[in-house]
PDB file of N, CA and C in Angstrom:
ATOM      1  N   MET A   1      16.661  -2.300  24.388  1.00  0.00           N
ATOM      2  CA  MET A   1      15.219  -3.267  24.116  1.00  0.00           C
ATOM      3  C   MET A   1      13.843  -2.005  23.459  1.00  0.00           C
ATOM      4  N   GLU A   2      13.433  -1.540  24.041  1.00  0.00           N
ATOM      5  CA  GLU A   2      12.438  -0.483  24.456  1.00  0.00           C
ATOM      6  C   GLU A   2      12.510  -0.244  23.036  1.00  0.00           C
ATOM      7  N   ASN A   3      13.601  -0.112  22.589  1.00  0.00           N
ATOM      8  CA  ASN A   3      13.519   0.679  20.887  1.00  0.00           C
ATOM      9  C   ASN A   3      13.207  -0.112  19.939  1.00  0.00           C
ATOM     10  N   TYR A   4      13.801  -1.504  20.489  1.00  0.00           N
ATOM     11  CA  TYR A   4      12.902  -2.233  19.499  1.00  0.00           C
ATOM     12  C   TYR A   4      12.328  -2.483  18.925  1.00  0.00           C
ATOM     13  N   GLU A   5      11.734  -2.440  20.132  1.00  0.00           N
ATOM     14  CA  GLU A   5       9.982  -2.802  19.965  1.00  0.00           C
ATOM     15  C   GLU A   5       9.052  -2.183  19.714  1.00  0.00           C
ATOM     16  N   LYS A   6       9.647  -0.606  19.837  1.00  0.00           N
ATOM     17  CA  LYS A   6       8.726   0.325  19.026  1.00  0.00           C
ATOM     18  C   LYS A   6       9.338   0.044  17.199  1.00  0.00           C
ATOM     19  N   TRP A   7      10.434  -0.147  17.194  1.00  0.00           N
ATOM     20  CA  TRP A   7      10.926  -0.627  16.100  1.00  0.00           C
ATOM     21  C   TRP A   7       9.843  -1.882  15.212  1.00  0.00           C
ATOM     22  N   ARG A   8       9.680  -3.080  16.109  1.00  0.00           N
ATOM     23  CA  ARG A   8       8.879  -3.941  15.533  1.00  0.00           C
ATOM     24  C   ARG A   8       7.692  -3.430  15.359  1.00  0.00           C
ATOM     25  N   HIS A   9       6.861  -2.788  16.495  1.00  0.00           N
ATOM     26  CA  HIS A   9       5.437  -2.202  16.247  1.00  0.00           C
ATOM     27  C   HIS A   9       5.791  -1.395  14.854  1.00  0.00           C
ATOM     28  N   ALA A  10       6.051  -0.293  15.010  1.00  0.00           N
ATOM     29  CA  ALA A  10       5.854   0.375  13.875  1.00  0.00           C
ATOM     30  C   ALA A  10       5.840  -0.651  12.235  1.00  0.00           C
ATOM     31  N   ARG A  11       6.920  -0.757  12.434  1.00  0.00           N
ATOM     32  CA  ARG A  11       7.004  -1.898  11.229  1.00  0.00           C
ATOM     33  C   ARG A  11       5.674  -3.214  10.532  1.00  0.00           C
ATOM     34  N   LYS A  12       5.424  -4.000  11.726  1.00  0.00           N
ATOM     35  CA  LYS A  12       4.460  -4.598  12.266  1.00  0.00           C
ATOM     36  C   LYS A  12       2.880  -3.547  11.805  1.00  0.00           C
ATOM     37  N   SER A  13       3.183  -2.514  12.274  1.00  0.00           N
ATOM     38  CA  SER A  13       1.522  -1.909  11.910  1.00  0.00           C
ATOM     39  C   SER A  13       1.749  -1.188  10.370  1.00  0.00           C
ATOM     40  N   PHE A  14       2.708  -0.140  10.025  1.00  0.00           N
ATOM     41  CA  PHE A  14       2.966  -0.278   8.520  1.00  0.00           C
ATOM     42  C   PHE A  14       2.566  -1.475   7.537  1.00  0.00           C
ATOM     43  N   LEU A  15       3.127  -2.363   8.078  1.00  0.00           N
ATOM     44  CA  LEU A  15       3.333  -3.534   6.580  1.00  0.00           C
ATOM     45  C   LEU A  15       1.843  -3.954   6.740  1.00  0.00           C
ATOM     46  N   ILE A  16       1.233  -3.888   7.938  1.00  0.00           N
ATOM     47  CA  ILE A  16      -0.254  -4.710   7.758  1.00  0.00           C
ATOM     48  C   ILE A  16      -1.160  -3.879   7.531  1.00  0.00           C
ATOM     49  N   LYS A  17      -1.787  -2.753   7.754  1.00  0.00           N
ATOM     50  CA  LYS A  17      -2.323  -1.771   7.178  1.00  0.00           C
ATOM     51  C   LYS A  17      -2.033  -1.434   5.650  1.00  0.00           C
ATOM     52  N   VAL A  18      -0.960  -1.389   5.080  1.00  0.00           N
ATOM     53  CA  VAL A  18      -0.338  -1.393   3.341  1.00  0.00           C
ATOM     54  C   VAL A  18      -0.901  -2.696   3.027  1.00  0.00           C
ATOM     55  N   THR A  19      -0.578  -4.245   4.213  1.00  0.00           N
ATOM     56  CA  THR A  19      -0.446  -5.056   2.616  1.00  0.00           C
ATOM     57  C   THR A  19      -2.670  -5.129   2.980  1.00  0.00           C
ATOM     58  N   ILE A  20      -3.152  -4.748   4.071  1.00  0.00           N
ATOM     59  CA  ILE A  20      -4.825  -4.805   4.100  1.00  0.00           C
ATOM     60  C   ILE A  20      -5.205  -4.011   2.780  1.00  0.00           C
ATOM     61  N   PHE A  21      -4.552  -3.035   2.702  1.00  0.00           N
ATOM     62  CA  PHE A  21      -5.272  -1.951   1.477  1.00  0.00           C
ATOM     63  C   PHE A  21      -5.276  -2.600  -0.180  1.00  0.00           C
ATOM     64  N   ALA A  22      -3.695  -2.586   0.174  1.00  0.00           N
ATOM     65  CA  ALA A  22      -3.647  -3.674  -1.317  1.00  0.00           C
ATOM     66  C   ALA A  22      -4.252  -4.631  -1.504  1.00  0.00           C
ATOM     67  N   ILE A  23      -4.509  -5.210  -0.517  1.00  0.00           N
ATOM     68  CA  ILE A  23      -5.475  -6.728  -1.196  1.00  0.00           C
ATOM     69  C   ILE A  23      -7.469  -6.258  -1.096  1.00  0.00           C
ATOM     70  N   VAL A  24      -7.647  -5.307  -0.671  1.00  0.00           N
ATOM     71  CA  VAL A  24      -8.500  -4.416  -0.758  1.00  0.00           C
ATOM     72  C   VAL A  24      -9.366  -4.076  -1.953  1.00  0.00           C
ATOM     73  N   PHE A  25      -8.030  -3.087  -2.155  1.00  0.00           N
ATOM     74  CA  PHE A  25      -8.218  -2.146  -3.502  1.00  0.00           C
ATOM     75  C   PHE A  25      -7.473  -2.756  -5.021  1.00  0.00           C
ATOM     76  N   TYR A  26      -6.630  -3.947  -4.472  1.00  0.00           N
ATOM     77  CA  TYR A  26      -6.588  -4.664  -6.012  1.00  0.00           C
ATOM     78  C   TYR A  26      -7.803  -5.572  -5.981  1.00  0.00           C
ATOM     79  N   MET A  27      -8.264  -6.579  -5.262  1.00  0.00           N
ATOM     80  CA  MET A  27      -9.394  -7.282  -4.897  1.00  0.00           C
ATOM     81  C   MET A  27     -10.821  -6.623  -5.987  1.00  0.00           C
ATOM     82  N   PHE A  28     -11.299  -5.455  -5.417  1.00  0.00           N
ATOM     83  CA  PHE A  28     -12.186  -4.267  -6.014  1.00  0.00           C
ATOM     84  C   PHE A  28     -12.392  -4.683  -7.145  1.00  0.00           C
ATOM     85  N   LEU A  29     -11.364  -4.768  -8.288  1.00  0.00           N
ATOM     86  CA  LEU A  29     -11.406  -4.393  -9.643  1.00  0.00           C
ATOM     87  C   LEU A  29     -12.047  -5.672 -10.105  1.00  0.00           C
ATOM     88  N   PRO A  30     -11.907  -7.396 -10.067  1.00  0.00           N
ATOM     89  CA  PRO A  30     -12.259  -8.655 -10.104  1.00  0.00           C
ATOM     90  C   PRO A  30     -14.361  -9.010  -9.312  1.00  0.00           C
ATOM     91  N   ILE A  31     -13.923  -8.288  -8.222  1.00  0.00           N
ATOM     92  CA  ILE A  31     -15.502  -8.288  -7.380  1.00  0.00           C
ATOM     93  C   ILE A  31     -16.172  -7.469  -8.284  1.00  0.00           C
ATOM     94  N   ALA A  32     -15.787  -5.869  -8.223  1.00  0.00           N
ATOM     95  CA  ALA A  32     -16.744  -4.870  -8.866  1.00  0.00           C
ATOM     96  C   ALA A  32     -17.059  -5.520 -10.469  1.00  0.00           C
ATOM     97  N   LEU A  33     -16.091  -6.000 -11.331  1.00  0.00           N
ATOM     98  CA  LEU A  33     -16.632  -6.720 -12.723  1.00  0.00           C
ATOM     99  C   LEU A  33     -17.683  -7.640 -12.072  1.00  0.00           C
ATOM    100  N   GLY A  34     -17.812  -8.111 -11.203  1.00  0.00           N
ATOM    101  CA  GLY A  34     -18.075 -10.138 -11.676  1.00  0.00           C
ATOM    102  C   GLY A  34     -19.406  -9.054 -11.009  1.00  0.00           C
ATOM    103  N   PHE A  35     -19.485  -8.323  -9.834  1.00  0.00           N
ATOM    104  CA  PHE A  35     -20.936  -7.648  -9.282  1.00  0.00           C
ATOM    105  C   PHE A  35     -21.608  -6.837  -9.928  1.00  0.00           C
ATOM    106  N   PHE A  36     -20.768  -5.784 -10.421  1.00  0.00           N
ATOM    107  CA  PHE A  36     -21.378  -4.791 -11.335  1.00  0.00           C
ATOM    108  C   PHE A  36     -21.238  -4.411 -12.612  1.00  0.00           C
ATOM    109  N   PRO A  37     -20.882  -6.018 -13.432  1.00  0.00           N
ATOM    110  CA  PRO A  37     -20.248  -5.535 -14.994  1.00  0.00           C
ATOM    111  C   PRO A  37     -21.279  -4.603 -15.486  1.00  0.00           C
ATOM    112  N   ASN A  38     -22.630  -3.907 -15.921  1.00  0.00           N
ATOM    113  CA  ASN A  38     -23.282  -2.912 -16.100  1.00  0.00           C
ATOM    114  C   ASN A  38     -22.730  -1.656 -15.853  1.00  0.00           C
ATOM    115  N   PHE A  39     -22.238  -1.456 -14.716  1.00  0.00           N
ATOM    116  CA  PHE A  39     -21.793  -0.494 -14.822  1.00  0.00           C
ATOM    117  C   PHE A  39     -20.518  -0.057 -14.853  1.00  0.00           C
ATOM    118  N   MET A  40     -19.916  -1.166 -14.790  1.00  0.00           N
ATOM    119  CA  MET A  40     -17.633  -1.241 -15.035  1.00  0.00           C
ATOM    120  C   MET A  40     -18.104  -0.949 -16.242  1.00  0.00           C
ATOM    121  N   LYS A  41     -18.429  -1.431 -16.826  1.00  0.00           N
ATOM    122  CA  LYS A  41     -19.110  -1.241 -18.541  1.00  0.00           C
ATOM    123  C   LYS A  41     -18.996   0.503 -19.291  1.00  0.00           C
ATOM    124  N   GLN A  42     -19.722   1.112 -18.260  1.00  0.00           N
ATOM    125  CA  GLN A  42     -20.197   2.692 -18.475  1.00  0.00           C
ATOM    126  C   GLN A  42     -18.965   2.959 -19.031  1.00  0.00           C
ATOM    127  N   ALA A  43     -19.187   4.345 -19.331  1.00  0.00           N
ATOM    128  CA  ALA A  43     -17.530   4.837 -19.988  1.00  0.00           C
ATOM    129  C   ALA A  43     -17.863   6.333 -19.948  1.00  0.00           C
ATOM    130  N   PRO A  44     -17.144   6.991 -18.989  1.00  0.00           N
ATOM    131  CA  PRO A  44     -17.840   8.032 -18.893  1.00  0.00           C
ATOM    132  C   PRO A  44     -16.925   9.094 -19.689  1.00  0.00           C
ATOM    133  N   PHE A  45     -15.565   8.708 -20.273  1.00  0.00           N
ATOM    134  CA  PHE A  45     -15.157   9.710 -20.827  1.00  0.00           C
ATOM    135  C   PHE A  45     -14.636   8.933 -22.067  1.00  0.00           C
ATOM    136  N   GLY A  46     -15.854   9.245 -23.273  1.00  0.00           N
ATOM    137  CA  GLY A  46     -15.401   8.678 -24.502  1.00  0.00           C
ATOM    138  C   GLY A  46     -15.722   7.024 -23.883  1.00  0.00           C
ATOM    139  N   VAL A  47     -14.637   6.791 -24.484  1.00  0.00           N
ATOM    140  CA  VAL A  47     -14.311   4.737 -25.250  1.00  0.00           C
ATOM    141  C   VAL A  47     -14.079   4.592 -23.539  1.00  0.00           C
ATOM    142  N   ILE A  48     -13.291   5.337 -22.817  1.00  0.00           N
ATOM    143  CA  ILE A  48     -12.408   4.554 -21.735  1.00  0.00           C
ATOM    144  C   ILE A  48     -13.562   4.366 -20.265  1.00  0.00           C
ATOM    145  N   THR A  49     -13.960   2.741 -20.367  1.00  0.00           N
ATOM    146  CA  THR A  49     -14.560   2.726 -18.960  1.00  0.00           C
ATOM    147  C   THR A  49     -14.114   2.792 -18.078  1.00  0.00           C
ATOM    148  N   TYR A  50     -15.202   2.349 -16.967  1.00  0.00           N
ATOM    149  CA  TYR A  50     -14.958   2.391 -15.627  1.00  0.00           C
ATOM    150  C   TYR A  50     -13.380   1.163 -15.023  1.00  0.00           C
ATOM    151  N   ALA A  51     -13.750   0.784 -15.501  1.00  0.00           N
ATOM    152  CA  ALA A  51     -13.324  -1.184 -15.634  1.00  0.00           C
ATOM    153  C   ALA A  51     -11.471  -0.429 -15.900  1.00  0.00           C
ATOM    154  N   TRP A  52     -11.524   0.351 -16.892  1.00  0.00           N
ATOM    155  CA  TRP A  52     -10.594   0.462 -17.331  1.00  0.00           C
ATOM    156  C   TRP A  52      -9.547   2.280 -16.023  1.00  0.00           C
ATOM    157  N   ILE A  53     -10.710   3.024 -16.109  1.00  0.00           N
ATOM    158  CA  ILE A  53      -9.806   3.991 -15.253  1.00  0.00           C
ATOM    159  C   ILE A  53      -9.831   3.078 -13.824  1.00  0.00           C
ATOM    160  N   PHE A  54     -10.519   2.250 -13.306  1.00  0.00           N
ATOM    161  CA  PHE A  54     -10.580   1.560 -11.899  1.00  0.00           C
ATOM    162  C   PHE A  54      -8.497   0.716 -12.245  1.00  0.00           C
ATOM    163  N   ALA A  55      -8.205   0.120 -13.740  1.00  0.00           N
ATOM    164  CA  ALA A  55      -6.999  -0.688 -13.735  1.00  0.00           C
ATOM    165  C   ALA A  55      -6.169   0.150 -13.824  1.00  0.00           C
ATOM    166  N   PHE A  56      -6.068   2.030 -13.846  1.00  0.00           N
ATOM    167  CA  PHE A  56      -4.994   2.276 -14.227  1.00  0.00           C
ATOM    168  C   PHE A  56      -4.940   3.353 -13.309  1.00  0.00           C
ATOM    169  N   LEU A  57      -5.939   2.996 -12.498  1.00  0.00           N
ATOM    170  CA  LEU A  57      -5.954   3.617 -10.672  1.00  0.00           C
ATOM    171  C   LEU A  57      -5.121   2.674  -9.684  1.00  0.00           C
ATOM    172  N   GLN A  58      -5.353   1.792 -10.491  1.00  0.00           N
ATOM    173  CA  GLN A  58      -4.157   0.019  -9.902  1.00  0.00           C
ATOM    174  C   GLN A  58      -2.178   0.605  -9.961  1.00  0.00           C
ATOM    175  N   ILE A  59      -2.154   0.997 -11.107  1.00  0.00           N
ATOM    176  CA  ILE A  59      -0.866   1.254 -11.503  1.00  0.00           C
ATOM    177  C   ILE A  59      -0.395   2.274 -10.461  1.00  0.00           C
ATOM    178  N   GLY A  60      -1.152   3.424 -10.230  1.00  0.00           N
ATOM    179  CA  GLY A  60      -1.186   4.709  -9.964  1.00  0.00           C
ATOM    180  C   GLY A  60      -0.688   4.047  -8.480  1.00  0.00           C
ATOM    181  N   MET A  61      -1.583   3.647  -7.246  1.00  0.00           N
ATOM    182  CA  MET A  61      -1.241   2.798  -6.136  1.00  0.00           C
ATOM    183  C   MET A  61      -0.381   2.178  -6.158  1.00  0.00           C
ATOM    184  N   THR A  62       0.489   1.313  -6.874  1.00  0.00           N
ATOM    185  CA  THR A  62       1.207   0.598  -7.184  1.00  0.00           C
ATOM    186  C   THR A  62       2.516   1.306  -6.447  1.00  0.00           C
ATOM    187  N   TRP A  63       2.888   2.914  -7.593  1.00  0.00           N
ATOM    188  CA  TRP A  63       3.186   3.346  -6.905  1.00  0.00           C
ATOM    189  C   TRP A  63       3.459   4.214  -6.133  1.00  0.00           C
ATOM    190  N   ILE A  64       2.263   4.990  -5.572  1.00  0.00           N
ATOM    191  CA  ILE A  64       2.113   5.453  -4.091  1.00  0.00           C
ATOM    192  C   ILE A  64       2.232   4.529  -3.046  1.00  0.00           C
ATOM    193  N   ILE A  65       2.196   2.896  -2.845  1.00  0.00           N
ATOM    194  CA  ILE A  65       2.512   2.555  -1.964  1.00  0.00           C
ATOM    195  C   ILE A  65       4.343   2.199  -2.234  1.00  0.00           C
ATOM    196  N   GLY A  66       4.707   2.264  -3.127  1.00  0.00           N
ATOM    197  CA  GLY A  66       6.047   1.703  -3.168  1.00  0.00           C
ATOM    198  C   GLY A  66       6.766   2.971  -2.166  1.00  0.00           C
ATOM    199  N   THR A  67       6.551   4.263  -3.288  1.00  0.00           N
ATOM    200  CA  THR A  67       7.045   5.400  -2.711  1.00  0.00           C
ATOM    201  C   THR A  67       6.857   5.696  -0.882  1.00  0.00           C
ATOM    202  N   LEU A  68       5.366   5.669  -0.299  1.00  0.00           N
ATOM    203  CA  LEU A  68       5.238   5.211   1.073  1.00  0.00           C
ATOM    204  C   LEU A  68       5.868   4.945   2.001  1.00  0.00           C
ATOM    205  N   TYR A  69       6.224   3.242   1.543  1.00  0.00           N
ATOM    206  CA  TYR A  69       7.140   1.928   2.049  1.00  0.00           C
ATOM    207  C   TYR A  69       8.461   2.716   1.981  1.00  0.00           C
ATOM    208  N   TRP A  70       9.030   3.094   0.794  1.00  0.00           N
ATOM    209  CA  TRP A  70      10.574   4.153   0.852  1.00  0.00           C
ATOM    210  C   TRP A  70      10.711   5.071   1.580  1.00  0.00           C
ATOM    211  N   PHE A  71       9.907   5.982   1.940  1.00  0.00           N
ATOM    212  CA  PHE A  71       9.972   7.353   3.007  1.00  0.00           C
ATOM    213  C   PHE A  71       9.780   6.442   4.194  1.00  0.00           C
ATOM    214  N   LYS A  72       9.145   5.320   4.629  1.00  0.00           N
ATOM    215  CA  LYS A  72       8.875   4.549   5.819  1.00  0.00           C
ATOM    216  C   LYS A  72      10.019   3.761   6.170  1.00  0.00           C
ATOM    217  N   CYS A  73      10.663   3.179   4.863  1.00  0.00           N
ATOM    218  CA  CYS A  73      11.425   2.626   5.684  1.00  0.00           C
ATOM    219  C   CYS A  73      12.887   3.569   5.931  1.00  0.00           C
ATOM    220  N   ARG A  74      13.336   4.496   5.511  1.00  0.00           N
ATOM    221  CA  ARG A  74      14.315   5.171   5.632  1.00  0.00           C
ATOM    222  C   ARG A  74      13.756   5.615   7.086  1.00  0.00           C
ATOM    223  N   LYS A  75      12.429   5.973   7.835  1.00  0.00           N
ATOM    224  CA  LYS A  75      12.364   6.525   9.051  1.00  0.00           C
ATOM    225  C   LYS A  75      13.095   5.054  10.127  1.00  0.00           C
ATOM    226  N   LEU A  76      12.695   3.471   9.272  1.00  0.00           N
ATOM    227  CA  LEU A  76      13.127   2.636  10.239  1.00  0.00           C
ATOM    228  C   LEU A  76      14.188   2.495  10.337  1.00  0.00           C
ATOM    229  N   ASP A  77      14.560   2.793   8.903  1.00  0.00           N
ATOM    230  CA  ASP A  77      16.458   2.611   9.340  1.00  0.00           C
ATOM    231  C   ASP A  77      17.322   3.771   9.973  1.00  0.00           C
ATOM    232  N   ALA A  78      16.311   4.626   9.866  1.00  0.00           N
ATOM    233  CA  ALA A  78      17.375   5.108  11.126  1.00  0.00           C
ATOM    234  C   ALA A  78      17.515   4.817  12.616  1.00  0.00           C
ATOM    235  N   MET A  79      15.614   4.511  12.850  1.00  0.00           N
ATOM    236  CA  MET A  79      15.671   3.359  14.410  1.00  0.00           C
ATOM    237  C   MET A  79      16.386   2.442  14.435  1.00  0.00           C
ATOM    238  N   VAL A  80      16.760   1.880  12.973  1.00  0.00           N
ATOM    239  CA  VAL A  80      17.800   0.678  13.243  1.00  0.00           C
ATOM    240  C   VAL A  80      19.311   0.784  13.984  1.00  0.00           C
ATOM    241  N   GLN A  81      19.322   2.057  13.270  1.00  0.00           N
ATOM    242  CA  GLN A  81      20.918   2.664  13.432  1.00  0.00           C
ATOM    243  C   GLN A  81      21.124   3.365  15.014  1.00  0.00           C
ATOM    244  N   GLU A  82      19.910   3.592  15.750  1.00  0.00           N
ATOM    245  CA  GLU A  82      19.796   3.481  16.813  1.00  0.00           C
ATOM    246  C   GLU A  82      20.073   3.248  17.671  1.00  0.00           C
ATOM    247  N   ILE A  83      18.975   1.573  17.458  1.00  0.00           N
ATOM    248  CA  ILE A  83      19.436   0.615  18.481  1.00  0.00           C
ATOM    249  C   ILE A  83      20.956  -0.017  17.602  1.00  0.00           C
ATOM    250  N   ARG A  84      21.213   0.164  16.786  1.00  0.00           N
ATOM    251  CA  ARG A  84      22.880  -0.855  16.653  1.00  0.00           C
ATOM    252  C   ARG A  84      23.827   0.423  17.364  1.00  0.00           C
ATOM    253  N   ARG A  85      23.513   1.718  17.708  1.00  0.00           N
ATOM    254  CA  ARG A  85      24.564   2.714  18.742  1.00  0.00           C
ATOM    255  C   ARG A  85      24.419   2.844  20.165  1.00  0.00           C
ATOM    256  N   GLU A  86      23.048   1.888  20.255  1.00  0.00           N
ATOM    257  CA  GLU A  86      22.672   1.298  21.760  1.00  0.00           C
ATOM    258  C   GLU A  86      23.214   0.392  22.482  1.00  0.00           C
ATOM    259  N   ALA A  87      23.288  -0.684  21.309  1.00  0.00           N
ATOM    260  CA  ALA A  87      23.916  -1.843  21.696  1.00  0.00           C
ATOM    261  C   ALA A  87      25.570  -1.828  22.259  1.00  0.00           C
ATOM    262  N   ILE A  88      25.983  -1.069  21.116  1.00  0.00           N
ATOM    263  CA  ILE A  88      27.433  -1.399  20.902  1.00  0.00           C
ATOM    264  C   ILE A  88      27.395  -0.229  22.540  1.00  0.00           C
ATOM    265  N   GLU A  89      27.177   0.774  22.966  1.00  0.00           N
ATOM    266  CA  GLU A  89      27.302   1.374  24.048  1.00  0.00           C
ATOM    267  C   GLU A  89      26.896   0.543  25.139  1.00  0.00           C
TER     268      GLU A  89
END
């Protein structure tokens, strides 16, 4: 039962942290567009504005979060297998 609590805590902790980070990261673009439109319209690289840069960063962040989740799930699945072995014994 102790391993189950560790698994629950690890899963919950990871999901809460990633969810909060993702919400803040993804909500920053519409907030920045609303409060700092002149800055977001500036083009540091030719015609690509900060708004476009941040939008493309969101795509990359989605892949990074997905990859982190995949690696974390592999560890959590190993913990579940250990819990199952203990339950059988």
